[in-house]
């Protein structure tokens, strides 16, 4: 027991040193977005759609930033039907992170004033604290996208950012803390943007969009989703439903990881990215 604690303490010291080194490299431009976006798109975004997104992001360039409320930024909303139409037509991989931030801020403007306690949570302050979920997070680092170049290296940039963000969130949301599955969601977000922006986006998914409900101790929200999937199969794909029933295959056996990781643990990243696109616009 003591040996494990000592080893973890030494590992954390090493991680802190690596953090400083990686942040220095980021400031020098040593870590590029192309290195993080190592996945094949489900369907390449057409050039004309990319131009529409570029124009929209340029018009709202001053608004696509984190750390300020929409009231402070004086942001303007885009009709949701128009945004949904654009997202359905395609989201360019290289702009995906900016577009997610933009869609998040559009939704926040429509939904009103955010929770001040969450809005004022300082990421750097959270990183300076200790979490009781440290061991569980460390174990899952090597299990999260082990074949992706940004996350495969032990204590590399990807794993350190993953640890930082999961640690910070576990301190912010003491009811949920850390649960298996969260690392995959955070990993997908980190592929598309910098660490601090990823923290705000993850916080938005968990609180504003209610994703945290399925990770609460009673997991009632997850059970509800599994039931809804069962009803969907029953109503739309009766033959599939009956086949599963005949073999006593419940959604818990195959679909729980889909919901707990937003499909990120078992499907190609190009497909997963499109799922995230639709979640942000819906």
C-alpha atoms as a PDB file:
ATOM      1  CA  UNK A   1       0.000   0.000   0.000  1.00  0.00           C
ATOM      2  CA  UNK A   2       2.689   2.471   1.034  1.00  0.00           C
ATOM      3  CA  UNK A   3       4.832   1.448  -1.924  1.00  0.00           C
ATOM      4  CA  UNK A   4       1.959   2.190  -4.311  1.00  0.00           C
ATOM      5  CA  UNK A   5       1.381   5.605  -2.747  1.00  0.00           C
ATOM      6  CA  UNK A   6       5.068   6.479  -2.985  1.00  0.00           C
ATOM      7  CA  UNK A   7       5.209   5.403  -6.634  1.00  0.00           C
ATOM      8  CA  UNK A   8       2.121   7.470  -7.455  1.00  0.00           C
ATOM      9  CA  UNK A   9       3.615  10.496  -5.694  1.00  0.00           C
ATOM     10  CA  UNK A  10       6.818  10.145  -7.720  1.00  0.00           C
ATOM     11  CA  UNK A  11       4.741   9.778 -10.869  1.00  0.00           C
ATOM     12  CA  UNK A  12       2.831  12.973 -10.090  1.00  0.00           C
ATOM     13  CA  UNK A  13       6.088  14.864  -9.554  1.00  0.00           C
ATOM     14  CA  UNK A  14       7.312  13.624 -12.918  1.00  0.00           C
ATOM     15  CA  UNK A  15       3.998  14.580 -14.529  1.00  0.00           C
ATOM     16  CA  UNK A  16       4.283  18.087 -13.118  1.00  0.00           C
ATOM     17  CA  UNK A  17       7.729  18.466 -14.679  1.00  0.00           C
ATOM     18  CA  UNK A  18       6.450  17.137 -17.995  1.00  0.00           C
ATOM     19  CA  UNK A  19       3.517  19.558 -17.801  1.00  0.00           C
ATOM     20  CA  UNK A  20       5.861  22.542 -17.584  1.00  0.00           C
ATOM     21  CA  UNK A  21       7.921  21.195 -20.479  1.00  0.00           C
ATOM     22  CA  UNK A  22       4.888  20.600 -22.696  1.00  0.00           C
ATOM     23  CA  UNK A  23       3.359  23.996 -21.970  1.00  0.00           C
ATOM     24  CA  UNK A  24       6.658  25.610 -22.951  1.00  0.00           C
ATOM     25  CA  UNK A  25       6.570  23.675 -26.232  1.00  0.00           C
ATOM     26  CA  UNK A  26       2.965  24.743 -26.820  1.00  0.00           C
ATOM     27  CA  UNK A  27       3.917  28.382 -26.396  1.00  0.00           C
ATOM     28  CA  UNK A  28       6.687  27.866 -28.947  1.00  0.00           C
ATOM     29  CA  UNK A  29       4.260  26.191 -31.350  1.00  0.00           C
ATOM     30  CA  UNK A  30       5.816  22.759 -30.975  1.00  0.00           C
ATOM     31  CA  UNK A  31       2.499  20.885 -30.750  1.00  0.00           C
ATOM     32  CA  UNK A  32       0.371  21.205 -33.888  1.00  0.00           C
ATOM     33  CA  UNK A  33      -3.332  20.583 -34.406  1.00  0.00           C
ATOM     34  CA  UNK A  34      -2.622  18.261 -37.338  1.00  0.00           C
ATOM     35  CA  UNK A  35      -0.808  15.899 -34.951  1.00  0.00           C
ATOM     36  CA  UNK A  36      -3.963  15.681 -32.836  1.00  0.00           C
ATOM     37  CA  UNK A  37      -6.410  15.251 -35.728  1.00  0.00           C
ATOM     38  CA  UNK A  38      -5.198  11.806 -36.729  1.00  0.00           C
ATOM     39  CA  UNK A  39      -8.451  10.255 -37.881  1.00  0.00           C
ATOM     40  CA  UNK A  40     -10.312   9.711 -41.121  1.00  0.00           C
ATOM     41  CA  UNK A  41     -13.439  11.775 -41.630  1.00  0.00           C
ATOM     42  CA  UNK A  42     -16.678   9.875 -42.156  1.00  0.00           C
ATOM     43  CA  UNK A  43     -17.428  12.026 -45.207  1.00  0.00           C
ATOM     44  CA  UNK A  44     -15.071  14.843 -46.274  1.00  0.00           C
ATOM     45  CA  UNK A  45     -16.649  18.273 -45.934  1.00  0.00           C
ATOM     46  CA  UNK A  46     -17.378  19.938 -49.282  1.00  0.00           C
ATOM     47  CA  UNK A  47     -15.353  23.040 -50.082  1.00  0.00           C
ATOM     48  CA  UNK A  48     -18.407  25.298 -50.308  1.00  0.00           C
ATOM     49  CA  UNK A  49     -19.571  24.199 -46.840  1.00  0.00           C
ATOM     50  CA  UNK A  50     -16.088  24.815 -45.440  1.00  0.00           C
ATOM     51  CA  UNK A  51     -16.229  28.337 -46.903  1.00  0.00           C
ATOM     52  CA  UNK A  52     -19.578  28.960 -45.184  1.00  0.00           C
ATOM     53  CA  UNK A  53     -18.136  27.901 -41.816  1.00  0.00           C
ATOM     54  CA  UNK A  54     -15.010  30.013 -42.347  1.00  0.00           C
ATOM     55  CA  UNK A  55     -17.138  33.050 -43.141  1.00  0.00           C
ATOM     56  CA  UNK A  56     -19.376  32.468 -40.118  1.00  0.00           C
ATOM     57  CA  UNK A  57     -16.416  32.020 -37.772  1.00  0.00           C
ATOM     58  CA  UNK A  58     -14.788  35.160 -39.180  1.00  0.00           C
ATOM     59  CA  UNK A  59     -17.943  37.187 -38.573  1.00  0.00           C
ATOM     60  CA  UNK A  60     -18.111  35.898 -35.000  1.00  0.00           C
ATOM     61  CA  UNK A  61     -14.364  35.676 -34.434  1.00  0.00           C
ATOM     62  CA  UNK A  62     -14.369  37.956 -31.393  1.00  0.00           C
ATOM     63  CA  UNK A  63     -17.113  35.864 -29.824  1.00  0.00           C
ATOM     64  CA  UNK A  64     -15.484  32.436 -30.185  1.00  0.00           C
ATOM     65  CA  UNK A  65     -13.512  32.535 -26.963  1.00  0.00           C
ATOM     66  CA  UNK A  66     -13.966  31.098 -23.507  1.00  0.00           C
ATOM     67  CA  UNK A  67     -14.016  32.738 -20.121  1.00  0.00           C
ATOM     68  CA  UNK A  68     -16.554  35.478 -20.883  1.00  0.00           C
ATOM     69  CA  UNK A  69     -20.330  35.458 -20.867  1.00  0.00           C
ATOM     70  CA  UNK A  70     -22.297  36.244 -23.994  1.00  0.00           C
ATOM     71  CA  UNK A  71     -23.546  39.445 -22.380  1.00  0.00           C
ATOM     72  CA  UNK A  72     -19.950  40.628 -21.956  1.00  0.00           C
ATOM     73  CA  UNK A  73     -19.104  39.735 -25.553  1.00  0.00           C
ATOM     74  CA  UNK A  74     -22.245  41.219 -27.049  1.00  0.00           C
ATOM     75  CA  UNK A  75     -22.696  38.087 -29.129  1.00  0.00           C
ATOM     76  CA  UNK A  76     -25.379  37.605 -31.767  1.00  0.00           C
ATOM     77  CA  UNK A  77     -27.360  34.440 -32.322  1.00  0.00           C
ATOM     78  CA  UNK A  78     -27.665  32.524 -35.563  1.00  0.00           C
ATOM     79  CA  UNK A  79     -31.020  30.780 -36.189  1.00  0.00           C
ATOM     80  CA  UNK A  80     -30.802  27.220 -34.902  1.00  0.00           C
ATOM     81  CA  UNK A  81     -32.400  25.812 -38.054  1.00  0.00           C
ATOM     82  CA  UNK A  82     -29.604  27.351 -40.106  1.00  0.00           C
ATOM     83  CA  UNK A  83     -26.914  25.957 -37.805  1.00  0.00           C
ATOM     84  CA  UNK A  84     -28.497  22.498 -37.916  1.00  0.00           C
ATOM     85  CA  UNK A  85     -28.602  22.635 -41.704  1.00  0.00           C
ATOM     86  CA  UNK A  86     -24.915  23.571 -41.904  1.00  0.00           C
ATOM     87  CA  UNK A  87     -23.880  20.846 -39.452  1.00  0.00           C
ATOM     88  CA  UNK A  88     -25.832  18.211 -41.380  1.00  0.00           C
ATOM     89  CA  UNK A  89     -24.046  19.256 -44.575  1.00  0.00           C
ATOM     90  CA  UNK A  90     -20.667  18.825 -42.923  1.00  0.00           C
ATOM     91  CA  UNK A  91     -18.120  20.120 -40.417  1.00  0.00           C
ATOM     92  CA  UNK A  92     -14.493  20.461 -41.582  1.00  0.00           C
ATOM     93  CA  UNK A  93     -12.091  18.570 -39.351  1.00  0.00           C
ATOM     94  CA  UNK A  94      -9.593  21.440 -39.052  1.00  0.00           C
ATOM     95  CA  UNK A  95     -12.317  23.854 -37.904  1.00  0.00           C
ATOM     96  CA  UNK A  96     -14.269  21.398 -35.770  1.00  0.00           C
ATOM     97  CA  UNK A  97     -12.950  22.658 -32.426  1.00  0.00           C
ATOM     98  CA  UNK A  98     -13.761  26.282 -33.250  1.00  0.00           C
ATOM     99  CA  UNK A  99     -17.199  25.272 -34.497  1.00  0.00           C
ATOM    100  CA  UNK A 100     -17.955  23.340 -31.298  1.00  0.00           C
ATOM    101  CA  UNK A 101     -17.010  26.397 -29.253  1.00  0.00           C
ATOM    102  CA  UNK A 102     -19.186  28.557 -31.468  1.00  0.00           C
ATOM    103  CA  UNK A 103     -22.176  26.203 -31.185  1.00  0.00           C
ATOM    104  CA  UNK A 104     -21.703  26.011 -27.421  1.00  0.00           C
ATOM    105  CA  UNK A 105     -21.754  29.780 -27.084  1.00  0.00           C
ATOM    106  CA  UNK A 106     -24.780  30.083 -29.348  1.00  0.00           C
ATOM    107  CA  UNK A 107     -26.673  27.707 -27.067  1.00  0.00           C
ATOM    108  CA  UNK A 108     -25.504  29.503 -23.922  1.00  0.00           C
ATOM    109  CA  UNK A 109     -26.759  32.794 -25.286  1.00  0.00           C
ATOM    110  CA  UNK A 110     -30.199  31.304 -25.914  1.00  0.00           C
ATOM    111  CA  UNK A 111     -30.441  29.511 -22.569  1.00  0.00           C
ATOM    112  CA  UNK A 112     -29.669  32.504 -20.351  1.00  0.00           C
ATOM    113  CA  UNK A 113     -27.208  33.248 -17.569  1.00  0.00           C
ATOM    114  CA  UNK A 114     -24.973  30.294 -16.587  1.00  0.00           C
ATOM    115  CA  UNK A 115     -24.362  29.094 -13.036  1.00  0.00           C
ATOM    116  CA  UNK A 116     -21.948  31.658 -11.575  1.00  0.00           C
ATOM    117  CA  UNK A 117     -20.158  29.089  -9.390  1.00  0.00           C
ATOM    118  CA  UNK A 118     -19.349  26.962 -12.430  1.00  0.00           C
ATOM    119  CA  UNK A 119     -18.604  29.957 -14.642  1.00  0.00           C
ATOM    120  CA  UNK A 120     -16.099  31.332 -12.147  1.00  0.00           C
ATOM    121  CA  UNK A 121     -14.308  28.031 -11.516  1.00  0.00           C
ATOM    122  CA  UNK A 122     -10.633  28.708 -12.224  1.00  0.00           C
ATOM    123  CA  UNK A 123      -8.939  25.897 -14.105  1.00  0.00           C
ATOM    124  CA  UNK A 124      -5.436  26.660 -12.841  1.00  0.00           C
ATOM    125  CA  UNK A 125      -6.674  26.793  -9.240  1.00  0.00           C
ATOM    126  CA  UNK A 126      -8.287  23.372  -9.635  1.00  0.00           C
ATOM    127  CA  UNK A 127      -5.056  21.939 -11.052  1.00  0.00           C
ATOM    128  CA  UNK A 128      -3.233  23.083  -7.928  1.00  0.00           C
ATOM    129  CA  UNK A 129      -5.433  20.908  -5.698  1.00  0.00           C
ATOM    130  CA  UNK A 130      -5.367  17.183  -4.920  1.00  0.00           C
ATOM    131  CA  UNK A 131      -8.104  14.763  -5.961  1.00  0.00           C
ATOM    132  CA  UNK A 132      -9.175  11.501  -4.360  1.00  0.00           C
ATOM    133  CA  UNK A 133      -9.746  10.143  -7.888  1.00  0.00           C
ATOM    134  CA  UNK A 134      -6.072  10.403  -8.795  1.00  0.00           C
ATOM    135  CA  UNK A 135      -5.445   6.635  -8.888  1.00  0.00           C
ATOM    136  CA  UNK A 136      -8.491   5.831 -11.042  1.00  0.00           C
ATOM    137  CA  UNK A 137      -7.590   8.570 -13.525  1.00  0.00           C
ATOM    138  CA  UNK A 138      -3.961   7.435 -13.778  1.00  0.00           C
ATOM    139  CA  UNK A 139      -5.027   3.849 -14.490  1.00  0.00           C
ATOM    140  CA  UNK A 140      -7.298   4.921 -17.357  1.00  0.00           C
ATOM    141  CA  UNK A 141      -4.760   7.167 -19.121  1.00  0.00           C
ATOM    142  CA  UNK A 142      -3.119   4.276 -20.954  1.00  0.00           C
ATOM    143  CA  UNK A 143      -6.498   2.751 -21.821  1.00  0.00           C
ATOM    144  CA  UNK A 144      -7.800   5.850 -23.581  1.00  0.00           C
ATOM    145  CA  UNK A 145      -7.158   5.871 -27.344  1.00  0.00           C
ATOM    146  CA  UNK A 146      -3.971   3.771 -26.923  1.00  0.00           C
ATOM    147  CA  UNK A 147      -3.416   3.687 -30.698  1.00  0.00           C
ATOM    148  CA  UNK A 148      -3.877   7.407 -31.310  1.00  0.00           C
ATOM    149  CA  UNK A 149      -0.528   9.232 -31.770  1.00  0.00           C
ATOM    150  CA  UNK A 150      -1.502  12.017 -29.387  1.00  0.00           C
ATOM    151  CA  UNK A 151      -2.412   9.702 -26.500  1.00  0.00           C
ATOM    152  CA  UNK A 152      -0.267   6.600 -27.014  1.00  0.00           C
ATOM    153  CA  UNK A 153       2.920   7.914 -25.378  1.00  0.00           C
ATOM    154  CA  UNK A 154       3.134   7.374 -21.613  1.00  0.00           C
ATOM    155  CA  UNK A 155       3.173  10.812 -19.958  1.00  0.00           C
ATOM    156  CA  UNK A 156       3.123  12.440 -23.380  1.00  0.00           C
ATOM    157  CA  UNK A 157       1.277  15.668 -24.112  1.00  0.00           C
ATOM    158  CA  UNK A 158      -2.051  13.930 -24.689  1.00  0.00           C
ATOM    159  CA  UNK A 159      -2.002  11.860 -21.499  1.00  0.00           C
ATOM    160  CA  UNK A 160      -0.943  14.837 -19.388  1.00  0.00           C
ATOM    161  CA  UNK A 161      -3.714  17.046 -20.747  1.00  0.00           C
ATOM    162  CA  UNK A 162      -6.149  14.194 -20.196  1.00  0.00           C
ATOM    163  CA  UNK A 163      -5.039  13.823 -16.574  1.00  0.00           C
ATOM    164  CA  UNK A 164      -5.177  17.578 -15.945  1.00  0.00           C
ATOM    165  CA  UNK A 165      -8.678  17.989 -17.275  1.00  0.00           C
ATOM    166  CA  UNK A 166     -10.137  14.919 -15.579  1.00  0.00           C
ATOM    167  CA  UNK A 167      -8.504  15.905 -12.302  1.00  0.00           C
ATOM    168  CA  UNK A 168      -9.882  19.452 -12.517  1.00  0.00           C
ATOM    169  CA  UNK A 169     -13.380  18.219 -13.295  1.00  0.00           C
ATOM    170  CA  UNK A 170     -13.338  15.677 -10.454  1.00  0.00           C
ATOM    171  CA  UNK A 171     -12.673  18.565  -8.070  1.00  0.00           C
ATOM    172  CA  UNK A 172     -15.334  20.777  -9.630  1.00  0.00           C
ATOM    173  CA  UNK A 173     -18.075  18.124  -9.624  1.00  0.00           C
ATOM    174  CA  UNK A 174     -17.654  16.282  -6.336  1.00  0.00           C
ATOM    175  CA  UNK A 175     -20.859  14.263  -6.809  1.00  0.00           C
ATOM    176  CA  UNK A 176     -19.657  12.641 -10.037  1.00  0.00           C
ATOM    177  CA  UNK A 177     -15.925  12.963  -9.452  1.00  0.00           C
ATOM    178  CA  UNK A 178     -14.383  10.631 -12.011  1.00  0.00           C
ATOM    179  CA  UNK A 179     -16.036   7.668 -13.724  1.00  0.00           C
ATOM    180  CA  UNK A 180     -14.836   5.317 -16.433  1.00  0.00           C
ATOM    181  CA  UNK A 181     -15.934   6.595 -19.812  1.00  0.00           C
ATOM    182  CA  UNK A 182     -15.237  10.253 -19.128  1.00  0.00           C
ATOM    183  CA  UNK A 183     -11.666   9.943 -20.384  1.00  0.00           C
ATOM    184  CA  UNK A 184     -12.874   9.045 -23.894  1.00  0.00           C
ATOM    185  CA  UNK A 185     -15.198  12.054 -24.057  1.00  0.00           C
ATOM    186  CA  UNK A 186     -12.435  14.361 -22.861  1.00  0.00           C
ATOM    187  CA  UNK A 187      -9.990  12.747 -25.284  1.00  0.00           C
ATOM    188  CA  UNK A 188     -12.180  13.545 -28.295  1.00  0.00           C
ATOM    189  CA  UNK A 189     -12.521  17.160 -27.192  1.00  0.00           C
ATOM    190  CA  UNK A 190      -8.767  17.512 -26.615  1.00  0.00           C
ATOM    191  CA  UNK A 191      -8.090  16.329 -30.163  1.00  0.00           C
ATOM    192  CA  UNK A 192      -9.814  19.440 -31.449  1.00  0.00           C
ATOM    193  CA  UNK A 193      -8.761  22.284 -29.163  1.00  0.00           C
ATOM    194  CA  UNK A 194      -6.408  23.491 -26.461  1.00  0.00           C
ATOM    195  CA  UNK A 195      -6.651  22.248 -22.893  1.00  0.00           C
ATOM    196  CA  UNK A 196      -8.350  25.270 -21.286  1.00  0.00           C
ATOM    197  CA  UNK A 197     -10.987  25.463 -24.038  1.00  0.00           C
ATOM    198  CA  UNK A 198     -11.544  21.715 -23.739  1.00  0.00           C
ATOM    199  CA  UNK A 199     -12.238  22.128 -20.013  1.00  0.00           C
ATOM    200  CA  UNK A 200     -14.980  24.680 -20.687  1.00  0.00           C
ATOM    201  CA  UNK A 201     -16.492  22.532 -23.443  1.00  0.00           C
ATOM    202  CA  UNK A 202     -16.467  19.418 -21.251  1.00  0.00           C
ATOM    203  CA  UNK A 203     -18.036  21.366 -18.404  1.00  0.00           C
ATOM    204  CA  UNK A 204     -20.725  22.541 -20.842  1.00  0.00           C
ATOM    205  CA  UNK A 205     -21.482  18.982 -21.975  1.00  0.00           C
ATOM    206  CA  UNK A 206     -21.699  17.718 -18.426  1.00  0.00           C
ATOM    207  CA  UNK A 207     -23.730  20.519 -16.844  1.00  0.00           C
ATOM    208  CA  UNK A 208     -25.545  22.504 -19.552  1.00  0.00           C
ATOM    209  CA  UNK A 209     -26.420  19.489 -21.698  1.00  0.00           C
ATOM    210  CA  UNK A 210     -26.967  17.236 -18.681  1.00  0.00           C
ATOM    211  CA  UNK A 211     -24.462  14.512 -19.543  1.00  0.00           C
ATOM    212  CA  UNK A 212     -23.364  14.274 -15.908  1.00  0.00           C
ATOM    213  CA  UNK A 213     -26.764  12.842 -14.933  1.00  0.00           C
ATOM    214  CA  UNK A 214     -25.859   9.428 -16.335  1.00  0.00           C
ATOM    215  CA  UNK A 215     -22.706   9.331 -14.184  1.00  0.00           C
ATOM    216  CA  UNK A 216     -24.429  10.140 -10.892  1.00  0.00           C
ATOM    217  CA  UNK A 217     -24.296   7.333  -8.293  1.00  0.00           C
ATOM    218  CA  UNK A 218     -27.804   5.996  -9.023  1.00  0.00           C
ATOM    219  CA  UNK A 219     -27.187   6.089 -12.819  1.00  0.00           C
ATOM    220  CA  UNK A 220     -30.921   6.538 -13.394  1.00  0.00           C
ATOM    221  CA  UNK A 221     -30.320   8.688 -16.484  1.00  0.00           C
ATOM    222  CA  UNK A 222     -28.297   5.876 -18.056  1.00  0.00           C
ATOM    223  CA  UNK A 223     -31.041   3.359 -17.277  1.00  0.00           C
ATOM    224  CA  UNK A 224     -33.565   5.689 -18.918  1.00  0.00           C
ATOM    225  CA  UNK A 225     -31.460   5.901 -22.094  1.00  0.00           C
ATOM    226  CA  UNK A 226     -31.141   2.126 -22.230  1.00  0.00           C
ATOM    227  CA  UNK A 227     -34.913   1.794 -21.862  1.00  0.00           C
ATOM    228  CA  UNK A 228     -35.470   4.392 -24.601  1.00  0.00           C
ATOM    229  CA  UNK A 229     -33.152   2.427 -26.892  1.00  0.00           C
ATOM    230  CA  UNK A 230     -35.155  -0.733 -26.173  1.00  0.00           C
ATOM    231  CA  UNK A 231     -38.399   1.046 -27.064  1.00  0.00           C
ATOM    232  CA  UNK A 232     -36.824   2.462 -30.222  1.00  0.00           C
ATOM    233  CA  UNK A 233     -35.797  -1.014 -31.347  1.00  0.00           C
ATOM    234  CA  UNK A 234     -39.248  -2.365 -30.474  1.00  0.00           C
ATOM    235  CA  UNK A 235     -41.057   0.360 -32.424  1.00  0.00           C
ATOM    236  CA  UNK A 236     -38.724   0.803 -35.408  1.00  0.00           C
ATOM    237  CA  UNK A 237     -36.766  -2.444 -35.774  1.00  0.00           C
ATOM    238  CA  UNK A 238     -39.061  -5.133 -34.417  1.00  0.00           C
ATOM    239  CA  UNK A 239     -37.084  -8.005 -35.950  1.00  0.00           C
ATOM    240  CA  UNK A 240     -33.860  -6.822 -34.278  1.00  0.00           C
ATOM    241  CA  UNK A 241     -35.691  -6.370 -30.970  1.00  0.00           C
ATOM    242  CA  UNK A 242     -37.170  -9.867 -31.124  1.00  0.00           C
ATOM    243  CA  UNK A 243     -33.814 -11.390 -32.072  1.00  0.00           C
ATOM    244  CA  UNK A 244     -32.157  -9.782 -29.047  1.00  0.00           C
ATOM    245  CA  UNK A 245     -35.010 -10.830 -26.783  1.00  0.00           C
ATOM    246  CA  UNK A 246     -34.826 -14.427 -27.997  1.00  0.00           C
ATOM    247  CA  UNK A 247     -31.146 -14.557 -27.063  1.00  0.00           C
ATOM    248  CA  UNK A 248     -31.615 -12.576 -23.824  1.00  0.00           C
ATOM    249  CA  UNK A 249     -29.366  -9.753 -25.004  1.00  0.00           C
ATOM    250  CA  UNK A 250     -30.233  -6.611 -23.071  1.00  0.00           C
ATOM    251  CA  UNK A 251     -28.992  -3.108 -24.061  1.00  0.00           C
ATOM    252  CA  UNK A 252     -26.890  -3.060 -20.885  1.00  0.00           C
ATOM    253  CA  UNK A 253     -24.607  -5.672 -22.449  1.00  0.00           C
ATOM    254  CA  UNK A 254     -23.754  -3.684 -25.570  1.00  0.00           C
ATOM    255  CA  UNK A 255     -25.084  -0.115 -25.378  1.00  0.00           C
ATOM    256  CA  UNK A 256     -23.957   1.130 -21.951  1.00  0.00           C
ATOM    257  CA  UNK A 257     -20.448   1.986 -23.272  1.00  0.00           C
ATOM    258  CA  UNK A 258     -22.036   3.853 -26.189  1.00  0.00           C
ATOM    259  CA  UNK A 259     -23.777   6.286 -23.869  1.00  0.00           C
ATOM    260  CA  UNK A 260     -21.027   6.479 -21.236  1.00  0.00           C
ATOM    261  CA  UNK A 261     -18.377   7.422 -23.815  1.00  0.00           C
ATOM    262  CA  UNK A 262     -20.600   9.137 -26.401  1.00  0.00           C
ATOM    263  CA  UNK A 263     -19.697   6.254 -28.741  1.00  0.00           C
ATOM    264  CA  UNK A 264     -15.987   7.150 -28.537  1.00  0.00           C
ATOM    265  CA  UNK A 265     -14.671   3.855 -27.140  1.00  0.00           C
ATOM    266  CA  UNK A 266     -16.044   1.475 -29.775  1.00  0.00           C
ATOM    267  CA  UNK A 267     -16.512   3.358 -33.040  1.00  0.00           C
ATOM    268  CA  UNK A 268     -14.217   5.048 -35.607  1.00  0.00           C
ATOM    269  CA  UNK A 269     -13.276   8.604 -34.651  1.00  0.00           C
ATOM    270  CA  UNK A 270     -14.725  10.008 -37.870  1.00  0.00           C
ATOM    271  CA  UNK A 271     -18.147   8.687 -36.852  1.00  0.00           C
ATOM    272  CA  UNK A 272     -17.668   9.816 -33.238  1.00  0.00           C
ATOM    273  CA  UNK A 273     -16.816  13.352 -34.363  1.00  0.00           C
ATOM    274  CA  UNK A 274     -20.103  13.521 -36.279  1.00  0.00           C
ATOM    275  CA  UNK A 275     -21.991  12.356 -33.184  1.00  0.00           C
ATOM    276  CA  UNK A 276     -20.367  15.196 -31.237  1.00  0.00           C
ATOM    277  CA  UNK A 277     -21.292  17.644 -34.025  1.00  0.00           C
ATOM    278  CA  UNK A 278     -24.956  16.733 -33.674  1.00  0.00           C
ATOM    279  CA  UNK A 279     -24.853  16.854 -29.869  1.00  0.00           C
ATOM    280  CA  UNK A 280     -23.477  20.400 -29.939  1.00  0.00           C
ATOM    281  CA  UNK A 281     -26.021  21.665 -32.461  1.00  0.00           C
ATOM    282  CA  UNK A 282     -29.022  19.931 -30.837  1.00  0.00           C
END
